[in-house]
């Protein structure tokens, strides 16, 4: 009985710590979050944070094990690899860019990680950037199923996705960019329309 209660208390404390960590990262950025702030936010002694997790990298790993930082191919494209093979090159490329934005907007932790990469270079952000690059390589392999070579698609995807990612990160600083309201869904719908036109023109040159 006592052991069961202790286990429940431990699990509850771990949950509080992880939730506090996620809130702080989403609000203040990964590079600004420390153990003292986490313990205050969670309302627990910082000794427990160290005991259960060890530090910020381990906290991030624990949180990422519950909610992956980067969306799956199926989440982004809206179908599995077999279904994607039936899509045109234009549709697949558009779904990749549009779906990437849609899925990352649901993941404040992922956006916080991207911001951390831009702000500071340290062992944690280096490891995170490697994981992101591996994810991007895997995604490009899927895109080849529609007849788009990775060599030709990679620079296009990098440029367009970089621009879209900047817009995703920007709302933390301002409500709009270039006259487009990034706090409203219709603002992102306008972005989708532009992306589709750009993809249509680019794919003609690539295929």
N, C-alpha and C. Protein backbone atom coordinates (compact mmCIF):
# COMPACT_ATOMS: atom_id res chain seq x y z
N UNK A 1 0.83 -1.21 0.00
CA UNK A 1 0.00 0.00 0.00
C UNK A 1 0.86 1.26 0.00
N UNK A 2 1.87 1.28 0.93
CA UNK A 2 2.75 2.44 1.03
C UNK A 2 3.55 2.62 -0.25
N UNK A 3 4.05 1.50 -0.80
CA UNK A 3 4.84 1.57 -2.03
C UNK A 3 4.00 2.10 -3.20
N UNK A 4 2.75 1.66 -3.26
CA UNK A 4 1.86 2.13 -4.32
C UNK A 4 1.62 3.63 -4.21
N UNK A 5 1.45 4.11 -2.97
CA UNK A 5 1.23 5.54 -2.76
C UNK A 5 2.47 6.33 -3.15
N UNK A 6 3.65 5.81 -2.77
CA UNK A 6 4.89 6.48 -3.12
C UNK A 6 5.09 6.55 -4.63
N UNK A 7 4.70 5.47 -5.30
CA UNK A 7 4.81 5.43 -6.75
C UNK A 7 3.88 6.46 -7.39
N UNK A 8 2.66 6.54 -6.87
CA UNK A 8 1.70 7.52 -7.39
C UNK A 8 2.20 8.94 -7.16
N UNK A 9 2.75 9.19 -5.97
CA UNK A 9 3.28 10.52 -5.67
C UNK A 9 4.43 10.87 -6.60
N UNK A 10 5.29 9.89 -6.85
CA UNK A 10 6.43 10.12 -7.75
C UNK A 10 5.96 10.44 -9.16
N UNK A 11 5.01 9.66 -9.64
CA UNK A 11 4.48 9.88 -10.99
C UNK A 11 3.78 11.24 -11.10
N UNK A 12 3.06 11.61 -10.05
CA UNK A 12 2.37 12.91 -10.05
C UNK A 12 3.37 14.05 -10.07
N UNK A 13 4.45 13.90 -9.30
CA UNK A 13 5.48 14.94 -9.27
C UNK A 13 6.19 15.04 -10.60
N UNK A 14 6.50 13.91 -11.20
CA UNK A 14 7.15 13.92 -12.51
C UNK A 14 6.26 14.60 -13.55
N UNK A 15 4.98 14.32 -13.48
CA UNK A 15 4.04 14.94 -14.41
C UNK A 15 4.01 16.45 -14.22
N UNK A 16 3.98 16.91 -12.96
CA UNK A 16 3.97 18.34 -12.68
C UNK A 16 5.23 19.01 -13.22
N UNK A 17 6.36 18.34 -13.06
CA UNK A 17 7.63 18.90 -13.52
C UNK A 17 7.65 19.01 -15.04
N UNK A 18 7.20 17.96 -15.71
CA UNK A 18 7.18 17.98 -17.18
C UNK A 18 6.22 19.04 -17.71
N UNK A 19 5.07 19.15 -17.08
CA UNK A 19 4.10 20.16 -17.51
C UNK A 19 4.64 21.57 -17.30
N UNK A 20 5.32 21.77 -16.16
CA UNK A 20 5.92 23.07 -15.88
C UNK A 20 7.01 23.38 -16.90
N UNK A 21 7.82 22.40 -17.22
CA UNK A 21 8.90 22.56 -18.20
C UNK A 21 8.32 22.93 -19.57
N UNK A 22 7.27 22.24 -19.98
CA UNK A 22 6.65 22.51 -21.28
C UNK A 22 6.09 23.93 -21.32
N UNK A 23 5.43 24.35 -20.26
CA UNK A 23 4.87 25.71 -20.22
C UNK A 23 5.98 26.77 -20.33
N UNK A 24 7.05 26.56 -19.59
CA UNK A 24 8.14 27.53 -19.58
C UNK A 24 8.83 27.60 -20.94
N UNK A 25 9.06 26.44 -21.55
CA UNK A 25 9.73 26.42 -22.85
C UNK A 25 8.88 27.13 -23.89
N UNK A 26 7.58 26.84 -23.89
CA UNK A 26 6.68 27.47 -24.86
C UNK A 26 6.60 28.98 -24.63
N UNK A 27 6.67 29.41 -23.38
CA UNK A 27 6.51 30.83 -23.06
C UNK A 27 7.81 31.62 -23.17
N UNK A 28 8.90 31.05 -22.64
CA UNK A 28 10.15 31.81 -22.51
C UNK A 28 11.25 31.36 -23.48
N UNK A 29 11.10 30.18 -24.06
CA UNK A 29 12.14 29.67 -24.94
C UNK A 29 13.04 28.69 -24.22
N UNK A 30 13.48 27.69 -24.94
CA UNK A 30 14.30 26.63 -24.36
C UNK A 30 15.59 27.17 -23.75
N UNK A 31 16.21 28.16 -24.41
CA UNK A 31 17.50 28.67 -23.96
C UNK A 31 17.40 29.47 -22.66
N UNK A 32 16.18 29.81 -22.25
CA UNK A 32 16.01 30.62 -21.03
C UNK A 32 15.53 29.80 -19.84
N UNK A 33 15.30 28.54 -20.04
CA UNK A 33 14.72 27.71 -18.98
C UNK A 33 15.83 27.02 -18.18
N UNK A 34 15.77 27.19 -16.86
CA UNK A 34 16.71 26.54 -15.96
C UNK A 34 15.99 25.74 -14.90
N UNK A 35 16.75 24.98 -14.15
CA UNK A 35 16.16 24.10 -13.13
C UNK A 35 15.42 24.90 -12.06
N UNK A 36 15.98 26.04 -11.64
CA UNK A 36 15.32 26.85 -10.61
C UNK A 36 13.94 27.32 -11.07
N UNK A 37 13.88 27.77 -12.32
CA UNK A 37 12.59 28.23 -12.85
C UNK A 37 11.60 27.08 -12.95
N UNK A 38 12.08 25.92 -13.34
CA UNK A 38 11.20 24.75 -13.46
C UNK A 38 10.65 24.36 -12.09
N UNK A 39 11.52 24.34 -11.10
CA UNK A 39 11.06 23.94 -9.76
C UNK A 39 10.04 24.93 -9.21
N UNK A 40 10.25 26.23 -9.47
CA UNK A 40 9.27 27.23 -9.02
C UNK A 40 7.95 27.06 -9.74
N UNK A 41 8.01 26.86 -11.05
CA UNK A 41 6.78 26.71 -11.83
C UNK A 41 6.01 25.46 -11.42
N UNK A 42 6.74 24.40 -11.12
CA UNK A 42 6.09 23.12 -10.75
C UNK A 42 5.68 23.10 -9.28
N UNK A 43 6.28 23.99 -8.48
CA UNK A 43 5.98 23.99 -7.05
C UNK A 43 6.61 22.83 -6.32
N UNK A 44 7.79 22.41 -6.77
CA UNK A 44 8.51 21.30 -6.13
C UNK A 44 9.95 21.72 -5.87
N UNK A 45 10.61 21.02 -4.97
CA UNK A 45 12.01 21.29 -4.69
C UNK A 45 12.85 20.92 -5.90
N UNK A 46 13.87 21.74 -6.20
CA UNK A 46 14.68 21.48 -7.38
C UNK A 46 15.47 20.17 -7.27
N UNK A 47 15.64 19.71 -6.04
CA UNK A 47 16.31 18.41 -5.84
C UNK A 47 15.53 17.30 -6.54
N UNK A 48 14.20 17.42 -6.53
CA UNK A 48 13.37 16.40 -7.18
C UNK A 48 13.50 16.46 -8.69
N UNK A 49 13.70 17.67 -9.22
CA UNK A 49 13.89 17.79 -10.67
C UNK A 49 15.16 17.05 -11.08
N UNK A 50 16.23 17.28 -10.32
CA UNK A 50 17.49 16.59 -10.61
C UNK A 50 17.35 15.08 -10.39
N UNK A 51 16.65 14.70 -9.33
CA UNK A 51 16.54 13.28 -9.00
C UNK A 51 15.77 12.51 -10.07
N UNK A 52 14.68 13.08 -10.53
CA UNK A 52 13.83 12.36 -11.48
C UNK A 52 14.28 12.50 -12.93
N UNK A 53 14.96 13.61 -13.26
CA UNK A 53 15.28 13.83 -14.67
C UNK A 53 16.77 14.12 -14.93
N UNK A 54 17.44 14.77 -14.00
CA UNK A 54 18.85 15.04 -14.19
C UNK A 54 19.15 16.44 -14.67
N UNK A 55 18.42 16.93 -15.65
CA UNK A 55 18.67 18.26 -16.17
C UNK A 55 17.77 18.57 -17.33
N UNK A 56 17.98 19.72 -17.97
CA UNK A 56 17.14 20.16 -19.08
C UNK A 56 17.17 19.19 -20.27
N UNK A 57 18.34 18.69 -20.70
CA UNK A 57 18.35 17.74 -21.83
C UNK A 57 17.49 16.50 -21.56
N UNK A 58 17.58 15.99 -20.33
CA UNK A 58 16.79 14.80 -19.99
C UNK A 58 15.29 15.12 -19.92
N UNK A 59 14.97 16.33 -19.46
CA UNK A 59 13.57 16.75 -19.44
C UNK A 59 13.02 16.84 -20.86
N UNK A 60 13.81 17.41 -21.75
CA UNK A 60 13.37 17.52 -23.14
C UNK A 60 13.19 16.14 -23.76
N UNK A 61 14.12 15.23 -23.47
CA UNK A 61 14.01 13.86 -24.00
C UNK A 61 12.76 13.17 -23.47
N UNK A 62 12.48 13.37 -22.18
CA UNK A 62 11.29 12.75 -21.58
C UNK A 62 10.02 13.30 -22.21
N UNK A 63 9.99 14.60 -22.43
CA UNK A 63 8.81 15.21 -23.03
C UNK A 63 8.66 14.78 -24.48
N UNK A 64 9.77 14.70 -25.20
CA UNK A 64 9.74 14.29 -26.61
C UNK A 64 9.31 12.84 -26.76
N UNK A 65 9.54 12.02 -25.74
CA UNK A 65 9.11 10.62 -25.81
C UNK A 65 7.59 10.51 -25.71
N UNK A 66 6.96 11.52 -25.14
CA UNK A 66 5.50 11.54 -25.01
C UNK A 66 4.84 12.20 -26.22
N UNK A 67 5.49 13.19 -26.78
CA UNK A 67 4.96 13.92 -27.94
C UNK A 67 6.13 14.25 -28.86
N UNK A 68 6.35 13.45 -29.90
CA UNK A 68 7.50 13.64 -30.79
C UNK A 68 7.64 15.08 -31.26
N UNK A 69 8.88 15.55 -31.30
CA UNK A 69 9.12 16.93 -31.71
C UNK A 69 8.73 17.19 -33.15
N UNK A 70 8.96 16.21 -34.01
CA UNK A 70 8.72 16.41 -35.44
C UNK A 70 7.61 15.49 -35.93
N UNK A 71 6.71 16.00 -36.73
CA UNK A 71 5.56 15.20 -37.18
C UNK A 71 5.98 14.08 -38.12
N UNK A 72 5.18 13.05 -38.17
CA UNK A 72 5.44 11.93 -39.07
C UNK A 72 5.07 12.30 -40.50
N UNK A 73 5.54 11.50 -41.43
CA UNK A 73 5.20 11.70 -42.84
C UNK A 73 3.69 11.66 -43.03
N UNK A 74 3.04 10.70 -42.38
CA UNK A 74 1.59 10.57 -42.50
C UNK A 74 0.87 11.79 -41.98
N UNK A 75 1.36 12.36 -40.86
CA UNK A 75 0.74 13.57 -40.31
C UNK A 75 0.86 14.73 -41.28
N UNK A 76 2.04 14.88 -41.88
CA UNK A 76 2.29 16.02 -42.76
C UNK A 76 1.54 15.89 -44.08
N UNK A 77 1.66 14.72 -44.72
CA UNK A 77 1.11 14.53 -46.06
C UNK A 77 -0.37 14.18 -46.03
N UNK A 78 -0.81 13.55 -44.96
CA UNK A 78 -2.21 13.16 -44.86
C UNK A 78 -2.48 11.76 -45.39
N UNK A 79 -1.42 11.02 -45.69
CA UNK A 79 -1.56 9.64 -46.14
C UNK A 79 -0.22 8.94 -45.92
N UNK A 80 -0.22 7.62 -46.04
CA UNK A 80 1.03 6.89 -45.87
C UNK A 80 1.84 6.90 -47.16
N UNK A 81 3.02 6.28 -47.12
CA UNK A 81 3.91 6.30 -48.28
C UNK A 81 3.26 5.66 -49.50
N UNK A 82 2.48 4.60 -49.29
CA UNK A 82 1.82 3.93 -50.40
C UNK A 82 0.81 4.86 -51.07
N UNK A 83 0.02 5.56 -50.26
CA UNK A 83 -0.96 6.50 -50.81
C UNK A 83 -0.29 7.70 -51.46
N UNK A 84 0.86 8.12 -50.90
CA UNK A 84 1.57 9.27 -51.45
C UNK A 84 2.10 8.98 -52.85
N UNK A 85 2.38 7.72 -53.13
CA UNK A 85 2.92 7.35 -54.44
C UNK A 85 1.92 7.64 -55.55
N UNK A 86 0.64 7.75 -55.21
CA UNK A 86 -0.40 8.02 -56.21
C UNK A 86 -0.62 9.52 -56.43
N UNK A 87 0.03 10.35 -55.62
CA UNK A 87 -0.15 11.80 -55.74
C UNK A 87 0.80 12.35 -56.81
N UNK A 88 0.39 13.43 -57.43
CA UNK A 88 1.28 14.10 -58.38
C UNK A 88 2.43 14.75 -57.63
N UNK A 89 3.50 15.05 -58.36
CA UNK A 89 4.64 15.70 -57.74
C UNK A 89 4.24 17.04 -57.14
N UNK A 90 3.40 17.77 -57.87
CA UNK A 90 2.95 19.08 -57.38
C UNK A 90 2.15 18.95 -56.10
N UNK A 91 1.22 18.01 -56.07
CA UNK A 91 0.37 17.84 -54.89
C UNK A 91 1.19 17.38 -53.69
N UNK A 92 2.13 16.49 -53.93
CA UNK A 92 2.94 15.97 -52.83
C UNK A 92 3.82 17.07 -52.24
N UNK A 93 4.46 17.86 -53.11
CA UNK A 93 5.31 18.94 -52.63
C UNK A 93 4.49 19.98 -51.87
N UNK A 94 3.30 20.29 -52.38
CA UNK A 94 2.44 21.26 -51.70
C UNK A 94 2.00 20.73 -50.34
N UNK A 95 1.59 19.47 -50.30
CA UNK A 95 1.15 18.90 -49.03
C UNK A 95 2.28 18.90 -48.00
N UNK A 96 3.50 18.66 -48.48
CA UNK A 96 4.63 18.66 -47.56
C UNK A 96 4.80 20.03 -46.90
N UNK A 97 4.81 21.09 -47.70
CA UNK A 97 5.03 22.43 -47.16
C UNK A 97 3.84 22.91 -46.32
N UNK A 98 2.64 22.71 -46.85
CA UNK A 98 1.44 23.14 -46.14
C UNK A 98 1.25 22.33 -44.85
N UNK A 99 1.45 21.01 -44.97
CA UNK A 99 1.28 20.14 -43.81
C UNK A 99 2.32 20.38 -42.74
N UNK A 100 3.54 20.71 -43.16
CA UNK A 100 4.60 21.01 -42.20
C UNK A 100 4.21 22.20 -41.34
N UNK A 101 3.71 23.25 -41.97
CA UNK A 101 3.27 24.43 -41.23
C UNK A 101 2.12 24.08 -40.30
N UNK A 102 1.14 23.37 -40.84
CA UNK A 102 -0.04 23.00 -40.03
C UNK A 102 0.35 22.21 -38.79
N UNK A 103 1.22 21.22 -38.97
CA UNK A 103 1.59 20.36 -37.85
C UNK A 103 2.48 21.08 -36.84
N UNK A 104 3.39 21.92 -37.30
CA UNK A 104 4.26 22.62 -36.37
C UNK A 104 3.50 23.66 -35.57
N UNK A 105 2.45 24.21 -36.14
CA UNK A 105 1.62 25.16 -35.40
C UNK A 105 0.96 24.50 -34.19
N UNK A 106 0.83 23.18 -34.24
CA UNK A 106 0.25 22.44 -33.12
C UNK A 106 1.29 22.09 -32.06
N UNK A 107 2.56 22.35 -32.37
CA UNK A 107 3.65 21.89 -31.52
C UNK A 107 4.49 23.06 -31.00
N UNK A 108 4.04 23.74 -29.96
CA UNK A 108 4.82 24.86 -29.41
C UNK A 108 6.20 24.44 -28.94
N UNK A 109 6.33 23.19 -28.48
CA UNK A 109 7.64 22.71 -28.04
C UNK A 109 8.60 22.64 -29.22
N UNK A 110 8.12 22.19 -30.36
CA UNK A 110 8.97 22.10 -31.56
C UNK A 110 9.41 23.50 -32.00
N UNK A 111 8.49 24.46 -31.95
CA UNK A 111 8.83 25.83 -32.33
C UNK A 111 9.84 26.42 -31.35
N UNK A 112 9.72 26.07 -30.08
CA UNK A 112 10.68 26.55 -29.09
C UNK A 112 12.07 25.97 -29.37
N UNK A 113 12.11 24.73 -29.81
CA UNK A 113 13.39 24.10 -30.15
C UNK A 113 14.02 24.80 -31.35
N UNK A 114 13.21 25.12 -32.35
CA UNK A 114 13.73 25.83 -33.52
C UNK A 114 14.26 27.21 -33.13
N UNK A 115 13.56 27.89 -32.25
CA UNK A 115 14.05 29.20 -31.80
C UNK A 115 15.38 29.06 -31.06
N UNK A 116 15.49 28.01 -30.25
CA UNK A 116 16.73 27.80 -29.50
C UNK A 116 17.91 27.58 -30.44
N UNK A 117 17.67 26.87 -31.54
CA UNK A 117 18.73 26.65 -32.52
C UNK A 117 19.23 27.97 -33.10
N UNK A 118 18.33 28.92 -33.28
CA UNK A 118 18.69 30.22 -33.85
C UNK A 118 19.42 31.11 -32.86
N UNK A 119 19.12 30.93 -31.58
CA UNK A 119 19.63 31.84 -30.56
C UNK A 119 20.98 31.41 -30.00
N UNK A 120 21.17 30.10 -29.82
CA UNK A 120 22.36 29.64 -29.10
C UNK A 120 22.85 28.31 -29.66
N UNK A 121 24.18 28.19 -29.73
CA UNK A 121 24.79 26.93 -30.16
C UNK A 121 25.47 26.28 -28.95
N UNK A 122 24.94 25.15 -28.54
CA UNK A 122 25.51 24.41 -27.43
C UNK A 122 25.29 22.92 -27.69
N UNK A 123 25.82 22.04 -26.86
CA UNK A 123 25.66 20.60 -27.13
C UNK A 123 24.21 20.16 -27.32
N UNK A 124 23.29 20.76 -26.58
CA UNK A 124 21.88 20.37 -26.69
C UNK A 124 21.31 20.81 -28.04
N UNK A 125 21.51 22.07 -28.42
CA UNK A 125 20.95 22.54 -29.69
C UNK A 125 21.62 21.87 -30.89
N UNK A 126 22.90 21.53 -30.74
CA UNK A 126 23.59 20.81 -31.82
C UNK A 126 22.95 19.44 -32.02
N UNK A 127 22.68 18.75 -30.92
CA UNK A 127 22.04 17.44 -31.00
C UNK A 127 20.63 17.55 -31.56
N UNK A 128 19.92 18.58 -31.17
CA UNK A 128 18.56 18.79 -31.67
C UNK A 128 18.56 19.09 -33.16
N UNK A 129 19.55 19.87 -33.62
CA UNK A 129 19.62 20.19 -35.05
C UNK A 129 19.96 18.95 -35.87
N UNK A 130 20.77 18.06 -35.31
CA UNK A 130 21.07 16.81 -36.00
C UNK A 130 19.82 15.95 -36.16
N UNK A 131 19.03 15.89 -35.10
CA UNK A 131 17.79 15.12 -35.15
C UNK A 131 16.83 15.72 -36.18
N UNK A 132 16.78 17.05 -36.24
CA UNK A 132 15.91 17.71 -37.22
C UNK A 132 16.39 17.44 -38.65
N UNK A 133 17.68 17.48 -38.86
CA UNK A 133 18.22 17.21 -40.19
C UNK A 133 17.94 15.77 -40.63
N UNK A 134 18.05 14.84 -39.66
CA UNK A 134 17.74 13.44 -39.98
C UNK A 134 16.28 13.30 -40.36
N UNK A 135 15.40 14.01 -39.65
CA UNK A 135 13.98 13.99 -39.99
C UNK A 135 13.77 14.55 -41.39
N UNK A 136 14.44 15.65 -41.73
CA UNK A 136 14.29 16.27 -43.05
C UNK A 136 14.77 15.32 -44.15
N UNK A 137 15.87 14.62 -43.91
CA UNK A 137 16.38 13.67 -44.89
C UNK A 137 15.37 12.55 -45.14
N UNK A 138 14.78 12.06 -44.06
CA UNK A 138 13.77 11.00 -44.20
C UNK A 138 12.57 11.50 -44.99
N UNK A 139 12.15 12.75 -44.74
CA UNK A 139 11.01 13.30 -45.46
C UNK A 139 11.32 13.42 -46.95
N UNK A 140 12.53 13.84 -47.30
CA UNK A 140 12.90 13.99 -48.70
C UNK A 140 12.91 12.65 -49.42
N UNK A 141 13.27 11.59 -48.70
CA UNK A 141 13.23 10.26 -49.30
C UNK A 141 11.81 9.90 -49.71
N UNK A 142 10.84 10.25 -48.86
CA UNK A 142 9.44 10.00 -49.19
C UNK A 142 9.02 10.79 -50.42
N UNK A 143 9.50 12.03 -50.52
CA UNK A 143 9.11 12.88 -51.64
C UNK A 143 9.58 12.31 -52.98
N UNK A 144 10.64 11.53 -52.95
CA UNK A 144 11.14 10.94 -54.20
C UNK A 144 10.15 9.95 -54.81
N UNK A 145 9.22 9.47 -54.00
CA UNK A 145 8.24 8.50 -54.50
C UNK A 145 7.35 9.09 -55.59
N UNK A 146 7.32 10.44 -55.68
CA UNK A 146 6.50 11.08 -56.71
C UNK A 146 7.35 11.49 -57.91
N UNK A 147 8.59 11.02 -57.95
CA UNK A 147 9.44 11.30 -59.08
C UNK A 147 10.22 12.59 -58.98
N UNK A 148 10.29 13.17 -57.78
CA UNK A 148 11.09 14.37 -57.57
C UNK A 148 12.44 13.94 -57.01
N UNK A 149 13.52 14.24 -57.70
CA UNK A 149 14.82 13.82 -57.20
C UNK A 149 15.18 14.63 -55.96
N UNK A 150 15.84 13.96 -55.00
CA UNK A 150 16.23 14.64 -53.76
C UNK A 150 17.19 15.79 -54.05
N UNK A 151 18.08 15.60 -55.03
CA UNK A 151 19.07 16.64 -55.34
C UNK A 151 18.40 17.93 -55.81
N UNK A 152 17.34 17.80 -56.59
CA UNK A 152 16.67 18.99 -57.10
C UNK A 152 15.65 19.54 -56.12
N UNK A 153 15.04 18.65 -55.33
CA UNK A 153 13.99 19.10 -54.41
C UNK A 153 14.55 19.70 -53.13
N UNK A 154 15.70 19.19 -52.67
CA UNK A 154 16.23 19.62 -51.38
C UNK A 154 16.42 21.14 -51.29
N UNK A 155 17.07 21.80 -52.27
CA UNK A 155 17.24 23.26 -52.17
C UNK A 155 15.91 24.01 -52.18
N UNK A 156 14.97 23.54 -53.02
CA UNK A 156 13.65 24.19 -53.09
C UNK A 156 12.93 24.05 -51.75
N UNK A 157 12.93 22.82 -51.21
CA UNK A 157 12.26 22.59 -49.92
C UNK A 157 12.92 23.41 -48.82
N UNK A 158 14.25 23.51 -48.86
CA UNK A 158 14.97 24.25 -47.83
C UNK A 158 14.59 25.73 -47.86
N UNK A 159 14.56 26.32 -49.06
CA UNK A 159 14.27 27.75 -49.17
C UNK A 159 12.82 28.06 -48.78
N UNK A 160 11.89 27.28 -49.33
CA UNK A 160 10.48 27.55 -49.04
C UNK A 160 10.14 27.25 -47.58
N UNK A 161 10.64 26.12 -47.07
CA UNK A 161 10.33 25.78 -45.68
C UNK A 161 10.99 26.75 -44.72
N UNK A 162 12.19 27.25 -45.07
CA UNK A 162 12.86 28.23 -44.19
C UNK A 162 12.02 29.50 -44.08
N UNK A 163 11.46 29.95 -45.21
CA UNK A 163 10.61 31.13 -45.17
C UNK A 163 9.36 30.91 -44.35
N UNK A 164 8.75 29.75 -44.51
CA UNK A 164 7.54 29.43 -43.76
C UNK A 164 7.84 29.28 -42.27
N UNK A 165 8.99 28.67 -41.96
CA UNK A 165 9.36 28.51 -40.56
C UNK A 165 9.62 29.86 -39.90
N UNK A 166 10.20 30.78 -40.65
CA UNK A 166 10.40 32.12 -40.08
C UNK A 166 9.06 32.75 -39.72
N UNK A 167 8.07 32.58 -40.58
CA UNK A 167 6.75 33.13 -40.30
C UNK A 167 6.11 32.44 -39.09
N UNK A 168 6.40 31.15 -38.93
CA UNK A 168 5.89 30.44 -37.77
C UNK A 168 6.50 30.97 -36.48
N UNK A 169 7.79 31.28 -36.54
CA UNK A 169 8.47 31.74 -35.34
C UNK A 169 8.19 33.20 -35.05
N UNK A 170 7.82 33.95 -36.06
CA UNK A 170 7.64 35.38 -35.92
C UNK A 170 6.48 35.81 -35.02
N UNK A 171 5.34 35.10 -34.98
CA UNK A 171 4.22 35.57 -34.14
C UNK A 171 4.57 35.75 -32.67
N UNK A 172 5.66 35.14 -32.22
CA UNK A 172 6.07 35.35 -30.82
C UNK A 172 6.52 36.80 -30.61
N UNK A 173 6.87 37.48 -31.70
CA UNK A 173 7.37 38.84 -31.61
C UNK A 173 6.37 39.87 -32.10
N UNK A 174 5.57 39.50 -33.08
CA UNK A 174 4.63 40.45 -33.67
C UNK A 174 3.40 39.70 -34.18
N UNK A 175 2.33 40.42 -34.40
CA UNK A 175 1.08 39.80 -34.84
C UNK A 175 1.00 39.62 -36.35
N UNK A 176 1.83 40.35 -37.08
CA UNK A 176 1.71 40.32 -38.53
C UNK A 176 3.09 40.44 -39.17
N UNK A 177 3.15 40.06 -40.44
CA UNK A 177 4.41 40.21 -41.18
C UNK A 177 4.06 40.51 -42.63
N UNK A 178 4.60 41.61 -43.14
CA UNK A 178 4.32 41.98 -44.52
C UNK A 178 2.85 42.20 -44.80
N UNK A 179 2.11 42.65 -43.80
CA UNK A 179 0.69 42.90 -43.99
C UNK A 179 -0.20 41.69 -43.83
N UNK A 180 0.39 40.52 -43.55
CA UNK A 180 -0.39 39.30 -43.36
C UNK A 180 -0.56 39.04 -41.87
N UNK A 181 -1.80 38.89 -41.44
CA UNK A 181 -2.11 38.64 -40.04
C UNK A 181 -1.81 37.18 -39.72
N UNK A 182 -0.76 36.94 -38.95
CA UNK A 182 -0.34 35.58 -38.63
C UNK A 182 -1.06 35.01 -37.41
N UNK A 183 -1.91 35.79 -36.81
CA UNK A 183 -2.69 35.31 -35.66
C UNK A 183 -4.05 34.76 -36.10
N UNK A 184 -4.38 34.93 -37.38
CA UNK A 184 -5.68 34.50 -37.88
C UNK A 184 -5.51 33.38 -38.90
N UNK A 185 -6.51 32.49 -38.93
CA UNK A 185 -6.44 31.37 -39.86
C UNK A 185 -6.46 31.84 -41.32
N UNK A 186 -7.19 32.91 -41.60
CA UNK A 186 -7.25 33.35 -42.99
C UNK A 186 -5.90 33.86 -43.47
N UNK A 187 -5.06 34.34 -42.54
CA UNK A 187 -3.72 34.74 -42.91
C UNK A 187 -2.90 33.55 -43.40
N UNK A 188 -3.03 32.44 -42.71
CA UNK A 188 -2.30 31.23 -43.10
C UNK A 188 -2.90 30.61 -44.36
N UNK A 189 -4.20 30.77 -44.57
CA UNK A 189 -4.82 30.29 -45.81
C UNK A 189 -4.26 31.04 -47.02
N UNK A 190 -4.04 32.34 -46.85
CA UNK A 190 -3.43 33.12 -47.92
C UNK A 190 -2.03 32.61 -48.22
N UNK A 191 -1.31 32.25 -47.16
CA UNK A 191 0.04 31.68 -47.34
C UNK A 191 -0.04 30.38 -48.13
N UNK A 192 -1.03 29.56 -47.81
CA UNK A 192 -1.22 28.29 -48.52
C UNK A 192 -1.42 28.52 -50.02
N UNK A 193 -2.23 29.52 -50.34
CA UNK A 193 -2.51 29.81 -51.75
C UNK A 193 -1.23 30.21 -52.49
N UNK A 194 -0.43 31.03 -51.86
CA UNK A 194 0.83 31.46 -52.47
C UNK A 194 1.78 30.29 -52.62
N UNK A 195 1.87 29.45 -51.60
CA UNK A 195 2.75 28.28 -51.65
C UNK A 195 2.35 27.36 -52.80
N UNK A 196 1.05 27.14 -52.97
CA UNK A 196 0.61 26.27 -54.06
C UNK A 196 1.03 26.83 -55.42
N UNK A 197 0.88 28.15 -55.62
CA UNK A 197 1.28 28.75 -56.90
C UNK A 197 2.79 28.64 -57.11
N UNK A 198 3.56 28.83 -56.05
CA UNK A 198 5.01 28.72 -56.16
C UNK A 198 5.43 27.29 -56.47
N UNK A 199 4.81 26.34 -55.79
CA UNK A 199 5.13 24.92 -56.03
C UNK A 199 4.80 24.54 -57.46
N UNK A 200 3.65 24.99 -57.94
CA UNK A 200 3.23 24.65 -59.31
C UNK A 200 4.29 25.11 -60.32
N UNK A 201 4.77 26.33 -60.14
CA UNK A 201 5.77 26.87 -61.07
C UNK A 201 7.11 26.14 -60.94
N UNK A 202 7.50 25.83 -59.72
CA UNK A 202 8.81 25.20 -59.49
C UNK A 202 8.83 23.75 -59.96
N UNK A 203 7.73 23.03 -59.71
CA UNK A 203 7.69 21.62 -60.08
C UNK A 203 7.82 21.44 -61.58
N UNK A 204 7.27 22.38 -62.34
CA UNK A 204 7.39 22.29 -63.81
C UNK A 204 8.84 22.28 -64.24
N UNK A 205 9.70 22.95 -63.48
CA UNK A 205 11.11 23.00 -63.83
C UNK A 205 11.87 21.78 -63.32
N UNK A 206 11.30 21.10 -62.31
CA UNK A 206 12.02 20.00 -61.66
C UNK A 206 11.68 18.64 -62.23
N UNK A 207 10.50 18.51 -62.90
CA UNK A 207 10.07 17.19 -63.35
C UNK A 207 10.01 17.16 -64.88
